[in-house]
Amino acid sequence: MTVFELAASEAWLNFFTLSLSAQMERQMNAERIKRALQAKKALGGILGRPIGVCCIDDQKADIIEYIEKGFNIMEVAVFIGCSCQTLSKWLVQNKNDPDIQRALIKALIKESKAGWH
């Protein structure tokens, strides 16, 4: 066996050992997480994000301000740091909020006046 062949076989052995240990670690982490979730559920804990809580609820005033100033959905989403889909879904879920309705109506009126000139 040449030195090159020996080095190549040693490199392959190192790669195999590292990949095997990484796979074992992934399996152990998955089992540990499953056990922790089962234990929390058994104790009556609720898993996942709380129902009705959205990451942009606390930015309502900023959203209304941006909409009233005439920014479109994409621009508002960038300003508050979320996706357009998240903001659109949030607006639909909060469509009965009088403040949001007022802001959207103001934006529509402003847009329609700008279109007539």
PDB file of N, CA and C in Angstrom:
ATOM      1  N   MET A   1       0.843  -1.171   0.000  1.00  0.00           N
ATOM      2  CA  MET A   1       0.000   0.000   0.000  1.00  0.00           C
ATOM      3  C   MET A   1       0.898   1.248   0.000  1.00  0.00           C
ATOM      4  N   THR A   2       0.547   2.204  -0.845  1.00  0.00           N
ATOM      5  CA  THR A   2       1.347   3.428  -0.905  1.00  0.00           C
ATOM      6  C   THR A   2       0.884   4.383   0.190  1.00  0.00           C
ATOM      7  N   VAL A   3       1.649   5.425   0.384  1.00  0.00           N
ATOM      8  CA  VAL A   3       1.310   6.446   1.382  1.00  0.00           C
ATOM      9  C   VAL A   3       0.009   7.130   1.000  1.00  0.00           C
ATOM     10  N   PHE A   4      -0.174   7.379  -0.302  1.00  0.00           N
ATOM     11  CA  PHE A   4      -1.397   8.034  -0.759  1.00  0.00           C
ATOM     12  C   PHE A   4      -2.625   7.171  -0.477  1.00  0.00           C
ATOM     13  N   GLU A   5      -2.530   5.881  -0.767  1.00  0.00           N
ATOM     14  CA  GLU A   5      -3.644   4.970  -0.519  1.00  0.00           C
ATOM     15  C   GLU A   5      -3.949   4.871   0.970  1.00  0.00           C
ATOM     16  N   LEU A   6      -2.913   4.881   1.781  1.00  0.00           N
ATOM     17  CA  LEU A   6      -3.096   4.812   3.227  1.00  0.00           C
ATOM     18  C   LEU A   6      -3.780   6.078   3.737  1.00  0.00           C
ATOM     19  N   ALA A   7      -3.362   7.243   3.234  1.00  0.00           N
ATOM     20  CA  ALA A   7      -3.965   8.517   3.641  1.00  0.00           C
ATOM     21  C   ALA A   7      -5.423   8.586   3.197  1.00  0.00           C
ATOM     22  N   ALA A   8      -5.700   8.087   1.990  1.00  0.00           N
ATOM     23  CA  ALA A   8      -7.067   8.107   1.479  1.00  0.00           C
ATOM     24  C   ALA A   8      -7.975   7.207   2.318  1.00  0.00           C
ATOM     25  N   SER A   9      -7.485   6.037   2.677  1.00  0.00           N
ATOM     26  CA  SER A   9      -8.309   5.132   3.488  1.00  0.00           C
ATOM     27  C   SER A   9      -8.498   5.698   4.892  1.00  0.00           C
ATOM     28  N   GLU A  10      -7.493   6.380   5.426  1.00  0.00           N
ATOM     29  CA  GLU A  10      -7.619   7.005   6.746  1.00  0.00           C
ATOM     30  C   GLU A  10      -8.611   8.164   6.702  1.00  0.00           C
ATOM     31  N   ALA A  11      -8.585   8.937   5.624  1.00  0.00           N
ATOM     32  CA  ALA A  11      -9.533  10.040   5.466  1.00  0.00           C
ATOM     33  C   ALA A  11     -10.959   9.500   5.374  1.00  0.00           C
ATOM     34  N   TRP A  12     -11.132   8.401   4.615  1.00  0.00           N
ATOM     35  CA  TRP A  12     -12.458   7.811   4.498  1.00  0.00           C
ATOM     36  C   TRP A  12     -12.947   7.309   5.842  1.00  0.00           C
ATOM     37  N   LEU A  13     -12.047   6.703   6.620  1.00  0.00           N
ATOM     38  CA  LEU A  13     -12.399   6.203   7.943  1.00  0.00           C
ATOM     39  C   LEU A  13     -12.801   7.356   8.858  1.00  0.00           C
ATOM     40  N   ASN A  14     -12.070   8.469   8.812  1.00  0.00           N
ATOM     41  CA  ASN A  14     -12.423   9.647   9.611  1.00  0.00           C
ATOM     42  C   ASN A  14     -13.786  10.194   9.206  1.00  0.00           C
ATOM     43  N   PHE A  15     -14.026  10.275   7.899  1.00  0.00           N
ATOM     44  CA  PHE A  15     -15.320  10.761   7.407  1.00  0.00           C
ATOM     45  C   PHE A  15     -16.450   9.860   7.877  1.00  0.00           C
ATOM     46  N   PHE A  16     -16.262   8.558   7.750  1.00  0.00           N
ATOM     47  CA  PHE A  16     -17.278   7.595   8.169  1.00  0.00           C
ATOM     48  C   PHE A  16     -17.558   7.726   9.662  1.00  0.00           C
ATOM     49  N   THR A  17     -16.511   7.862  10.466  1.00  0.00           N
ATOM     50  CA  THR A  17     -16.663   7.986  11.918  1.00  0.00           C
ATOM     51  C   THR A  17     -17.419   9.252  12.283  1.00  0.00           C
ATOM     52  N   LEU A  18     -17.058  10.369  11.648  1.00  0.00           N
ATOM     53  CA  LEU A  18     -17.746  11.626  11.944  1.00  0.00           C
ATOM     54  C   LEU A  18     -19.208  11.591  11.507  1.00  0.00           C
ATOM     55  N   SER A  19     -19.486  11.033  10.334  1.00  0.00           N
ATOM     56  CA  SER A  19     -20.873  10.980   9.875  1.00  0.00           C
ATOM     57  C   SER A  19     -21.713  10.061  10.756  1.00  0.00           C
ATOM     58  N   LEU A  20     -21.127   8.971  11.226  1.00  0.00           N
ATOM     59  CA  LEU A  20     -21.834   8.063  12.120  1.00  0.00           C
ATOM     60  C   LEU A  20     -22.141   8.738  13.455  1.00  0.00           C
ATOM     61  N   SER A  21     -21.159   9.455  13.995  1.00  0.00           N
ATOM     62  CA  SER A  21     -21.393  10.136  15.277  1.00  0.00           C
ATOM     63  C   SER A  21     -22.421  11.259  15.119  1.00  0.00           C
ATOM     64  N   ALA A  22     -22.415  11.959  13.976  1.00  0.00           N
ATOM     65  CA  ALA A  22     -23.409  13.006  13.741  1.00  0.00           C
ATOM     66  C   ALA A  22     -24.815  12.415  13.654  1.00  0.00           C
ATOM     67  N   GLN A  23     -24.937  11.277  12.997  1.00  0.00           N
ATOM     68  CA  GLN A  23     -26.229  10.616  12.883  1.00  0.00           C
ATOM     69  C   GLN A  23     -26.729  10.170  14.252  1.00  0.00           C
ATOM     70  N   MET A  24     -25.832   9.624  15.063  1.00  0.00           N
ATOM     71  CA  MET A  24     -26.226   9.199  16.413  1.00  0.00           C
ATOM     72  C   MET A  24     -26.666  10.397  17.250  1.00  0.00           C
ATOM     73  N   GLU A  25     -25.968  11.513  17.120  1.00  0.00           N
ATOM     74  CA  GLU A  25     -26.334  12.712  17.875  1.00  0.00           C
ATOM     75  C   GLU A  25     -27.700  13.230  17.448  1.00  0.00           C
ATOM     76  N   ARG A  26     -27.989  13.229  16.133  1.00  0.00           N
ATOM     77  CA  ARG A  26     -29.314  13.647  15.654  1.00  0.00           C
ATOM     78  C   ARG A  26     -30.407  12.762  16.230  1.00  0.00           C
ATOM     79  N   GLN A  27     -30.174  11.449  16.256  1.00  0.00           N
ATOM     80  CA  GLN A  27     -31.169  10.529  16.805  1.00  0.00           C
ATOM     81  C   GLN A  27     -31.375  10.764  18.295  1.00  0.00           C
ATOM     82  N   MET A  28     -30.291  10.987  19.024  1.00  0.00           N
ATOM     83  CA  MET A  28     -30.413  11.232  20.470  1.00  0.00           C
ATOM     84  C   MET A  28     -31.164  12.538  20.729  1.00  0.00           C
ATOM     85  N   ASN A  29     -30.891  13.577  19.941  1.00  0.00           N
ATOM     86  CA  ASN A  29     -31.611  14.840  20.108  1.00  0.00           C
ATOM     87  C   ASN A  29     -33.092  14.668  19.814  1.00  0.00           C
ATOM     88  N   ALA A  30     -33.414  13.942  18.754  1.00  0.00           N
ATOM     89  CA  ALA A  30     -34.817  13.717  18.403  1.00  0.00           C
ATOM     90  C   ALA A  30     -35.543  12.974  19.526  1.00  0.00           C
ATOM     91  N   GLU A  31     -34.914  11.959  20.083  1.00  0.00           N
ATOM     92  CA  GLU A  31     -35.525  11.203  21.184  1.00  0.00           C
ATOM     93  C   GLU A  31     -35.691  12.068  22.425  1.00  0.00           C
ATOM     94  N   ARG A  32     -34.688  12.892  22.725  1.00  0.00           N
ATOM     95  CA  ARG A  32     -34.750  13.767  23.897  1.00  0.00           C
ATOM     96  C   ARG A  32     -35.883  14.780  23.748  1.00  0.00           C
ATOM     97  N   ILE A  33     -36.033  15.345  22.560  1.00  0.00           N
ATOM     98  CA  ILE A  33     -37.093  16.319  22.320  1.00  0.00           C
ATOM     99  C   ILE A  33     -38.459  15.659  22.401  1.00  0.00           C
ATOM    100  N   LYS A  34     -38.598  14.465  21.824  1.00  0.00           N
ATOM    101  CA  LYS A  34     -39.878  13.742  21.894  1.00  0.00           C
ATOM    102  C   LYS A  34     -40.267  13.451  23.339  1.00  0.00           C
ATOM    103  N   ARG A  35     -39.293  12.995  24.148  1.00  0.00           N
ATOM    104  CA  ARG A  35     -39.586  12.710  25.562  1.00  0.00           C
ATOM    105  C   ARG A  35     -39.996  13.986  26.307  1.00  0.00           C
ATOM    106  N   ALA A  36     -39.314  15.080  26.045  1.00  0.00           N
ATOM    107  CA  ALA A  36     -39.645  16.340  26.724  1.00  0.00           C
ATOM    108  C   ALA A  36     -41.042  16.815  26.344  1.00  0.00           C
ATOM    109  N   LEU A  37     -41.395  16.704  25.063  1.00  0.00           N
ATOM    110  CA  LEU A  37     -42.728  17.116  24.630  1.00  0.00           C
ATOM    111  C   LEU A  37     -43.809  16.210  25.217  1.00  0.00           C
ATOM    112  N   GLN A  38     -43.535  14.908  25.276  1.00  0.00           N
ATOM    113  CA  GLN A  38     -44.498  13.983  25.875  1.00  0.00           C
ATOM    114  C   GLN A  38     -44.685  14.288  27.355  1.00  0.00           C
ATOM    115  N   ALA A  39     -43.591  14.594  28.050  1.00  0.00           N
ATOM    116  CA  ALA A  39     -43.682  14.910  29.476  1.00  0.00           C
ATOM    117  C   ALA A  39     -44.482  16.191  29.695  1.00  0.00           C
ATOM    118  N   LYS A  40     -44.241  17.207  28.872  1.00  0.00           N
ATOM    119  CA  LYS A  40     -44.985  18.462  29.015  1.00  0.00           C
ATOM    120  C   LYS A  40     -46.466  18.241  28.744  1.00  0.00           C
ATOM    121  N   LYS A  41     -46.762  17.438  27.720  1.00  0.00           N
ATOM    122  CA  LYS A  41     -48.155  17.158  27.389  1.00  0.00           C
ATOM    123  C   LYS A  41     -48.825  16.354  28.499  1.00  0.00           C
ATOM    124  N   ALA A  42     -48.096  15.398  29.087  1.00  0.00           N
ATOM    125  CA  ALA A  42     -48.651  14.577  30.167  1.00  0.00           C
ATOM    126  C   ALA A  42     -48.963  15.414  31.403  1.00  0.00           C
ATOM    127  N   LEU A  43     -48.190  16.484  31.617  1.00  0.00           N
ATOM    128  CA  LEU A  43     -48.425  17.363  32.762  1.00  0.00           C
ATOM    129  C   LEU A  43     -49.507  18.404  32.479  1.00  0.00           C
ATOM    130  N   GLY A  44     -50.116  18.323  31.293  1.00  0.00           N
ATOM    131  CA  GLY A  44     -51.206  19.238  30.956  1.00  0.00           C
ATOM    132  C   GLY A  44     -50.744  20.485  30.245  1.00  0.00           C
ATOM    133  N   GLY A  45     -49.496  20.535  29.845  1.00  0.00           N
ATOM    134  CA  GLY A  45     -48.985  21.697  29.137  1.00  0.00           C
ATOM    135  C   GLY A  45     -49.513  21.761  27.718  1.00  0.00           C
ATOM    136  N   ILE A  46     -49.596  22.956  27.208  1.00  0.00           N
ATOM    137  CA  ILE A  46     -50.064  23.168  25.840  1.00  0.00           C
ATOM    138  C   ILE A  46     -48.840  23.342  24.954  1.00  0.00           C
ATOM    139  N   LEU A  47     -48.810  22.608  23.859  1.00  0.00           N
ATOM    140  CA  LEU A  47     -47.691  22.679  22.941  1.00  0.00           C
ATOM    141  C   LEU A  47     -47.999  23.660  21.815  1.00  0.00           C
ATOM    142  N   GLY A  48     -46.984  24.329  21.310  1.00  0.00           N
ATOM    143  CA  GLY A  48     -47.142  25.223  20.171  1.00  0.00           C
ATOM    144  C   GLY A  48     -47.410  26.649  20.587  1.00  0.00           C
ATOM    145  N   ARG A  49     -47.609  27.484  19.579  1.00  0.00           N
ATOM    146  CA  ARG A  49     -47.859  28.899  19.807  1.00  0.00           C
ATOM    147  C   ARG A  49     -49.279  29.094  20.336  1.00  0.00           C
ATOM    148  N   PRO A  50     -49.475  30.012  21.269  1.00  0.00           N
ATOM    149  CA  PRO A  50     -50.822  30.260  21.782  1.00  0.00           C
ATOM    150  C   PRO A  50     -51.773  30.695  20.663  1.00  0.00           C
ATOM    151  N   ILE A  51     -53.001  30.251  20.743  1.00  0.00           N
ATOM    152  CA  ILE A  51     -54.003  30.572  19.731  1.00  0.00           C
ATOM    153  C   ILE A  51     -54.325  32.053  19.795  1.00  0.00           C
ATOM    154  N   GLY A  52     -54.393  32.663  18.630  1.00  0.00           N
ATOM    155  CA  GLY A  52     -54.793  34.059  18.552  1.00  0.00           C
ATOM    156  C   GLY A  52     -53.680  35.061  18.772  1.00  0.00           C
ATOM    157  N   VAL A  53     -52.484  34.611  19.018  1.00  0.00           N
ATOM    158  CA  VAL A  53     -51.377  35.522  19.236  1.00  0.00           C
ATOM    159  C   VAL A  53     -50.591  35.640  17.935  1.00  0.00           C
ATOM    160  N   CYS A  54     -50.353  36.859  17.523  1.00  0.00           N
ATOM    161  CA  CYS A  54     -49.613  37.098  16.285  1.00  0.00           C
ATOM    162  C   CYS A  54     -48.403  37.969  16.598  1.00  0.00           C
ATOM    163  N   CYS A  55     -47.362  37.772  15.836  1.00  0.00           N
ATOM    164  CA  CYS A  55     -46.111  38.482  16.088  1.00  0.00           C
ATOM    165  C   CYS A  55     -46.216  39.979  15.816  1.00  0.00           C
ATOM    166  N   ILE A  56     -47.261  40.422  15.138  1.00  0.00           N
ATOM    167  CA  ILE A  56     -47.361  41.848  14.824  1.00  0.00           C
ATOM    168  C   ILE A  56     -48.503  42.549  15.557  1.00  0.00           C
ATOM    169  N   ASP A  57     -49.140  41.867  16.498  1.00  0.00           N
ATOM    170  CA  ASP A  57     -50.232  42.492  17.250  1.00  0.00           C
ATOM    171  C   ASP A  57     -49.796  43.767  17.962  1.00  0.00           C
ATOM    172  N   ASP A  58     -48.571  43.755  18.489  1.00  0.00           N
ATOM    173  CA  ASP A  58     -48.107  44.914  19.244  1.00  0.00           C
ATOM    174  C   ASP A  58     -47.664  46.071  18.347  1.00  0.00           C
ATOM    175  N   GLN A  59     -47.728  45.896  17.026  1.00  0.00           N
ATOM    176  CA  GLN A  59     -47.342  46.951  16.093  1.00  0.00           C
ATOM    177  C   GLN A  59     -48.555  47.546  15.375  1.00  0.00           C
ATOM    178  N   LYS A  60     -49.716  47.388  15.970  1.00  0.00           N
ATOM    179  CA  LYS A  60     -50.959  47.843  15.349  1.00  0.00           C
ATOM    180  C   LYS A  60     -50.922  49.333  15.041  1.00  0.00           C
ATOM    181  N   ALA A  61     -50.456  50.142  15.983  1.00  0.00           N
ATOM    182  CA  ALA A  61     -50.429  51.592  15.784  1.00  0.00           C
ATOM    183  C   ALA A  61     -49.528  51.968  14.610  1.00  0.00           C
ATOM    184  N   ASP A  62     -48.381  51.318  14.496  1.00  0.00           N
ATOM    185  CA  ASP A  62     -47.471  51.597  13.380  1.00  0.00           C
ATOM    186  C   ASP A  62     -48.102  51.196  12.052  1.00  0.00           C
ATOM    187  N   ILE A  63     -48.749  50.044  12.025  1.00  0.00           N
ATOM    188  CA  ILE A  63     -49.390  49.561  10.803  1.00  0.00           C
ATOM    189  C   ILE A  63     -50.453  50.558  10.347  1.00  0.00           C
ATOM    190  N   ILE A  64     -51.286  51.006  11.278  1.00  0.00           N
ATOM    191  CA  ILE A  64     -52.340  51.969  10.947  1.00  0.00           C
ATOM    192  C   ILE A  64     -51.737  53.263  10.426  1.00  0.00           C
ATOM    193  N   GLU A  65     -50.690  53.729  11.066  1.00  0.00           N
ATOM    194  CA  GLU A  65     -50.028  54.968  10.641  1.00  0.00           C
ATOM    195  C   GLU A  65     -49.482  54.843   9.211  1.00  0.00           C
ATOM    196  N   TYR A  66     -48.814  53.735   8.918  1.00  0.00           N
ATOM    197  CA  TYR A  66     -48.257  53.537   7.580  1.00  0.00           C
ATOM    198  C   TYR A  66     -49.346  53.434   6.519  1.00  0.00           C
ATOM    199  N   ILE A  67     -50.441  52.743   6.851  1.00  0.00           N
ATOM    200  CA  ILE A  67     -51.539  52.608   5.893  1.00  0.00           C
ATOM    201  C   ILE A  67     -52.172  53.966   5.628  1.00  0.00           C
ATOM    202  N   GLU A  68     -52.373  54.753   6.682  1.00  0.00           N
ATOM    203  CA  GLU A  68     -52.966  56.079   6.522  1.00  0.00           C
ATOM    204  C   GLU A  68     -52.077  57.001   5.700  1.00  0.00           C
ATOM    205  N   LYS A  69     -50.777  56.788   5.770  1.00  0.00           N
ATOM    206  CA  LYS A  69     -49.842  57.611   4.985  1.00  0.00           C
ATOM    207  C   LYS A  69     -49.798  57.186   3.527  1.00  0.00           C
ATOM    208  N   GLY A  70     -50.462  56.079   3.199  1.00  0.00           N
ATOM    209  CA  GLY A  70     -50.564  55.665   1.813  1.00  0.00           C
ATOM    210  C   GLY A  70     -49.576  54.599   1.368  1.00  0.00           C
ATOM    211  N   PHE A  71     -48.856  53.997   2.291  1.00  0.00           N
ATOM    212  CA  PHE A  71     -47.925  52.934   1.920  1.00  0.00           C
ATOM    213  C   PHE A  71     -48.711  51.669   1.581  1.00  0.00           C
ATOM    214  N   ASN A  72     -48.206  50.913   0.605  1.00  0.00           N
ATOM    215  CA  ASN A  72     -48.889  49.675   0.239  1.00  0.00           C
ATOM    216  C   ASN A  72     -48.500  48.548   1.204  1.00  0.00           C
ATOM    217  N   ILE A  73     -49.142  47.401   1.044  1.00  0.00           N
ATOM    218  CA  ILE A  73     -48.952  46.270   1.955  1.00  0.00           C
ATOM    219  C   ILE A  73     -47.492  45.825   1.992  1.00  0.00           C
ATOM    220  N   MET A  74     -46.861  45.764   0.834  1.00  0.00           N
ATOM    221  CA  MET A  74     -45.473  45.313   0.778  1.00  0.00           C
ATOM    222  C   MET A  74     -44.551  46.268   1.552  1.00  0.00           C
ATOM    223  N   GLU A  75     -44.761  47.558   1.381  1.00  0.00           N
ATOM    224  CA  GLU A  75     -43.935  48.544   2.082  1.00  0.00           C
ATOM    225  C   GLU A  75     -44.162  48.481   3.592  1.00  0.00           C
ATOM    226  N   VAL A  76     -45.416  48.367   3.997  1.00  0.00           N
ATOM    227  CA  VAL A  76     -45.716  48.273   5.434  1.00  0.00           C
ATOM    228  C   VAL A  76     -45.076  47.021   6.024  1.00  0.00           C
ATOM    229  N   ALA A  77     -45.159  45.912   5.307  1.00  0.00           N
ATOM    230  CA  ALA A  77     -44.564  44.658   5.789  1.00  0.00           C
ATOM    231  C   ALA A  77     -43.061  44.808   5.983  1.00  0.00           C
ATOM    232  N   VAL A  78     -42.404  45.480   5.057  1.00  0.00           N
ATOM    233  CA  VAL A  78     -40.957  45.703   5.190  1.00  0.00           C
ATOM    234  C   VAL A  78     -40.670  46.585   6.397  1.00  0.00           C
ATOM    235  N   PHE A  79     -41.463  47.642   6.580  1.00  0.00           N
ATOM    236  CA  PHE A  79     -41.238  48.568   7.691  1.00  0.00           C
ATOM    237  C   PHE A  79     -41.365  47.884   9.051  1.00  0.00           C
ATOM    238  N   ILE A  80     -42.349  46.984   9.172  1.00  0.00           N
ATOM    239  CA  ILE A  80     -42.559  46.348  10.486  1.00  0.00           C
ATOM    240  C   ILE A  80     -41.802  45.030  10.626  1.00  0.00           C
ATOM    241  N   GLY A  81     -41.202  44.557   9.530  1.00  0.00           N
ATOM    242  CA  GLY A  81     -40.356  43.365   9.608  1.00  0.00           C
ATOM    243  C   GLY A  81     -41.088  42.043   9.571  1.00  0.00           C
ATOM    244  N   CYS A  82     -42.088  41.940   8.693  1.00  0.00           N
ATOM    245  CA  CYS A  82     -42.777  40.663   8.520  1.00  0.00           C
ATOM    246  C   CYS A  82     -43.016  40.441   7.032  1.00  0.00           C
ATOM    247  N   SER A  83     -43.598  39.325   6.682  1.00  0.00           N
ATOM    248  CA  SER A  83     -43.884  39.056   5.275  1.00  0.00           C
ATOM    249  C   SER A  83     -45.214  39.692   4.874  1.00  0.00           C
ATOM    250  N   CYS A  84     -45.393  39.853   3.575  1.00  0.00           N
ATOM    251  CA  CYS A  84     -46.656  40.398   3.055  1.00  0.00           C
ATOM    252  C   CYS A  84     -47.830  39.490   3.410  1.00  0.00           C
ATOM    253  N   GLN A  85     -47.582  38.174   3.348  1.00  0.00           N
ATOM    254  CA  GLN A  85     -48.646  37.218   3.661  1.00  0.00           C
ATOM    255  C   GLN A  85     -49.084  37.346   5.124  1.00  0.00           C
ATOM    256  N   THR A  86     -48.109  37.512   6.016  1.00  0.00           N
ATOM    257  CA  THR A  86     -48.446  37.651   7.437  1.00  0.00           C
ATOM    258  C   THR A  86     -49.276  38.904   7.664  1.00  0.00           C
ATOM    259  N   LEU A  87     -48.844  40.012   7.070  1.00  0.00           N
ATOM    260  CA  LEU A  87     -49.585  41.264   7.241  1.00  0.00           C
ATOM    261  C   LEU A  87     -50.969  41.172   6.625  1.00  0.00           C
ATOM    262  N   SER A  88     -51.080  40.606   5.441  1.00  0.00           N
ATOM    263  CA  SER A  88     -52.392  40.467   4.792  1.00  0.00           C
ATOM    264  C   SER A  88     -53.330  39.605   5.633  1.00  0.00           C
ATOM    265  N   LYS A  89     -52.806  38.492   6.147  1.00  0.00           N
ATOM    266  CA  LYS A  89     -53.618  37.612   6.990  1.00  0.00           C
ATOM    267  C   LYS A  89     -54.051  38.342   8.263  1.00  0.00           C
ATOM    268  N   TRP A  90     -53.134  39.112   8.845  1.00  0.00           N
ATOM    269  CA  TRP A  90     -53.444  39.867  10.058  1.00  0.00           C
ATOM    270  C   TRP A  90     -54.530  40.901   9.783  1.00  0.00           C
ATOM    271  N   LEU A  91     -54.459  41.592   8.633  1.00  0.00           N
ATOM    272  CA  LEU A  91     -55.476  42.587   8.290  1.00  0.00           C
ATOM    273  C   LEU A  91     -56.840  41.927   8.105  1.00  0.00           C
ATOM    274  N   VAL A  92     -56.865  40.748   7.485  1.00  0.00           N
ATOM    275  CA  VAL A  92     -58.139  40.029   7.302  1.00  0.00           C
ATOM    276  C   VAL A  92     -58.701  39.592   8.652  1.00  0.00           C
ATOM    277  N   GLN A  93     -57.831  39.078   9.527  1.00  0.00           N
ATOM    278  CA  GLN A  93     -58.288  38.630  10.843  1.00  0.00           C
ATOM    279  C   GLN A  93     -58.792  39.794  11.695  1.00  0.00           C
ATOM    280  N   ASN A  94     -58.271  40.990  11.462  1.00  0.00           N
ATOM    281  CA  ASN A  94     -58.654  42.161  12.248  1.00  0.00           C
ATOM    282  C   ASN A  94     -59.515  43.130  11.454  1.00  0.00           C
ATOM    283  N   LYS A  95     -60.213  42.627  10.440  1.00  0.00           N
ATOM    284  CA  LYS A  95     -60.994  43.500   9.560  1.00  0.00           C
ATOM    285  C   LYS A  95     -62.153  44.189  10.272  1.00  0.00           C
ATOM    286  N   ASN A  96     -62.597  43.677  11.396  1.00  0.00           N
ATOM    287  CA  ASN A  96     -63.697  44.299  12.126  1.00  0.00           C
ATOM    288  C   ASN A  96     -63.231  45.322  13.148  1.00  0.00           C
ATOM    289  N   ASP A  97     -61.937  45.516  13.268  1.00  0.00           N
ATOM    290  CA  ASP A  97     -61.389  46.522  14.179  1.00  0.00           C
ATOM    291  C   ASP A  97     -61.659  47.907  13.588  1.00  0.00           C
ATOM    292  N   PRO A  98     -62.339  48.790  14.332  1.00  0.00           N
ATOM    293  CA  PRO A  98     -62.698  50.097  13.777  1.00  0.00           C
ATOM    294  C   PRO A  98     -61.488  50.949  13.377  1.00  0.00           C
ATOM    295  N   ASP A  99     -60.403  50.853  14.122  1.00  0.00           N
ATOM    296  CA  ASP A  99     -59.210  51.637  13.789  1.00  0.00           C
ATOM    297  C   ASP A  99     -58.621  51.198  12.453  1.00  0.00           C
ATOM    298  N   ILE A 100     -58.579  49.895  12.237  1.00  0.00           N
ATOM    299  CA  ILE A 100     -58.042  49.370  10.982  1.00  0.00           C
ATOM    300  C   ILE A 100     -58.979  49.708   9.828  1.00  0.00           C
ATOM    301  N   GLN A 101     -60.283  49.601  10.048  1.00  0.00           N
ATOM    302  CA  GLN A 101     -61.246  49.966   9.014  1.00  0.00           C
ATOM    303  C   GLN A 101     -61.085  51.434   8.622  1.00  0.00           C
ATOM    304  N   ARG A 102     -60.935  52.292   9.621  1.00  0.00           N
ATOM    305  CA  ARG A 102     -60.773  53.720   9.370  1.00  0.00           C
ATOM    306  C   ARG A 102     -59.510  53.983   8.547  1.00  0.00           C
ATOM    307  N   ALA A 103     -58.423  53.338   8.897  1.00  0.00           N
ATOM    308  CA  ALA A 103     -57.156  53.528   8.178  1.00  0.00           C
ATOM    309  C   ALA A 103     -57.271  53.061   6.731  1.00  0.00           C
ATOM    310  N   LEU A 104     -57.892  51.905   6.529  1.00  0.00           N
ATOM    311  CA  LEU A 104     -58.042  51.387   5.167  1.00  0.00           C
ATOM    312  C   LEU A 104     -58.944  52.281   4.327  1.00  0.00           C
ATOM    313  N   ILE A 105     -60.006  52.805   4.930  1.00  0.00           N
ATOM    314  CA  ILE A 105     -60.906  53.708   4.200  1.00  0.00           C
ATOM    315  C   ILE A 105     -60.179  54.995   3.834  1.00  0.00           C
ATOM    316  N   LYS A 106     -59.396  55.550   4.779  1.00  0.00           N
ATOM    317  CA  LYS A 106     -58.618  56.755   4.489  1.00  0.00           C
ATOM    318  C   LYS A 106     -57.648  56.511   3.342  1.00  0.00           C
ATOM    319  N   ALA A 107     -57.006  55.340   3.350  1.00  0.00           N
ATOM    320  CA  ALA A 107     -56.051  55.017   2.284  1.00  0.00           C
ATOM    321  C   ALA A 107     -56.763  54.896   0.941  1.00  0.00           C
ATOM    322  N   LEU A 108     -57.955  54.291   0.942  1.00  0.00           N
ATOM    323  CA  LEU A 108     -58.706  54.164  -0.307  1.00  0.00           C
ATOM    324  C   LEU A 108     -59.140  55.521  -0.836  1.00  0.00           C
ATOM    325  N   ILE A 109     -59.589  56.389   0.051  1.00  0.00           N
ATOM    326  CA  ILE A 109     -60.011  57.732  -0.361  1.00  0.00           C
ATOM    327  C   ILE A 109     -58.816  58.498  -0.918  1.00  0.00           C
ATOM    328  N   LYS A 110     -57.687  58.415  -0.219  1.00  0.00           N
ATOM    329  CA  LYS A 110     -56.474  59.103  -0.670  1.00  0.00           C
ATOM    330  C   LYS A 110     -56.043  58.580  -2.039  1.00  0.00           C
ATOM    331  N   GLU A 111     -56.116  57.277  -2.215  1.00  0.00           N
ATOM    332  CA  GLU A 111     -55.716  56.662  -3.486  1.00  0.00           C
ATOM    333  C   GLU A 111     -56.662  57.054  -4.607  1.00  0.00           C
ATOM    334  N   SER A 112     -57.960  57.095  -4.307  1.00  0.00           N
ATOM    335  CA  SER A 112     -58.933  57.453  -5.356  1.00  0.00           C
ATOM    336  C   SER A 112     -58.799  58.917  -5.755  1.00  0.00           C
ATOM    337  N   LYS A 113     -58.504  59.794  -4.795  1.00  0.00           N
ATOM    338  CA  LYS A 113     -58.292  61.213  -5.128  1.00  0.00           C
ATOM    339  C   LYS A 113     -57.039  61.385  -5.972  1.00  0.00           C
ATOM    340  N   ALA A 114     -55.994  60.619  -5.669  1.00  0.00           N
ATOM    341  CA  ALA A 114     -54.756  60.721  -6.446  1.00  0.00           C
ATOM    342  C   ALA A 114     -54.954  60.200  -7.857  1.00  0.00           C
ATOM    343  N   GLY A 115     -55.843  59.273  -8.027  1.00  0.00           N
ATOM    344  CA  GLY A 115     -56.087  58.688  -9.350  1.00  0.00           C
ATOM    345  C   GLY A 115     -56.899  59.585 -10.258  1.00  0.00           C
ATOM    346  N   TRP A 116     -57.667  60.533  -9.709  1.00  0.00           N
ATOM    347  CA  TRP A 116     -58.532  61.387 -10.508  1.00  0.00           C
ATOM    348  C   TRP A 116     -57.787  62.569 -11.129  1.00  0.00           C
ATOM    349  N   HIS A 117     -56.597  62.846 -10.697  1.00  0.00           N
ATOM    350  CA  HIS A 117     -55.855  64.023 -11.210  1.00  0.00           C
ATOM    351  C   HIS A 117     -55.123  63.710 -12.455  1.00  0.00           C
TER     352      HIS A 117
END
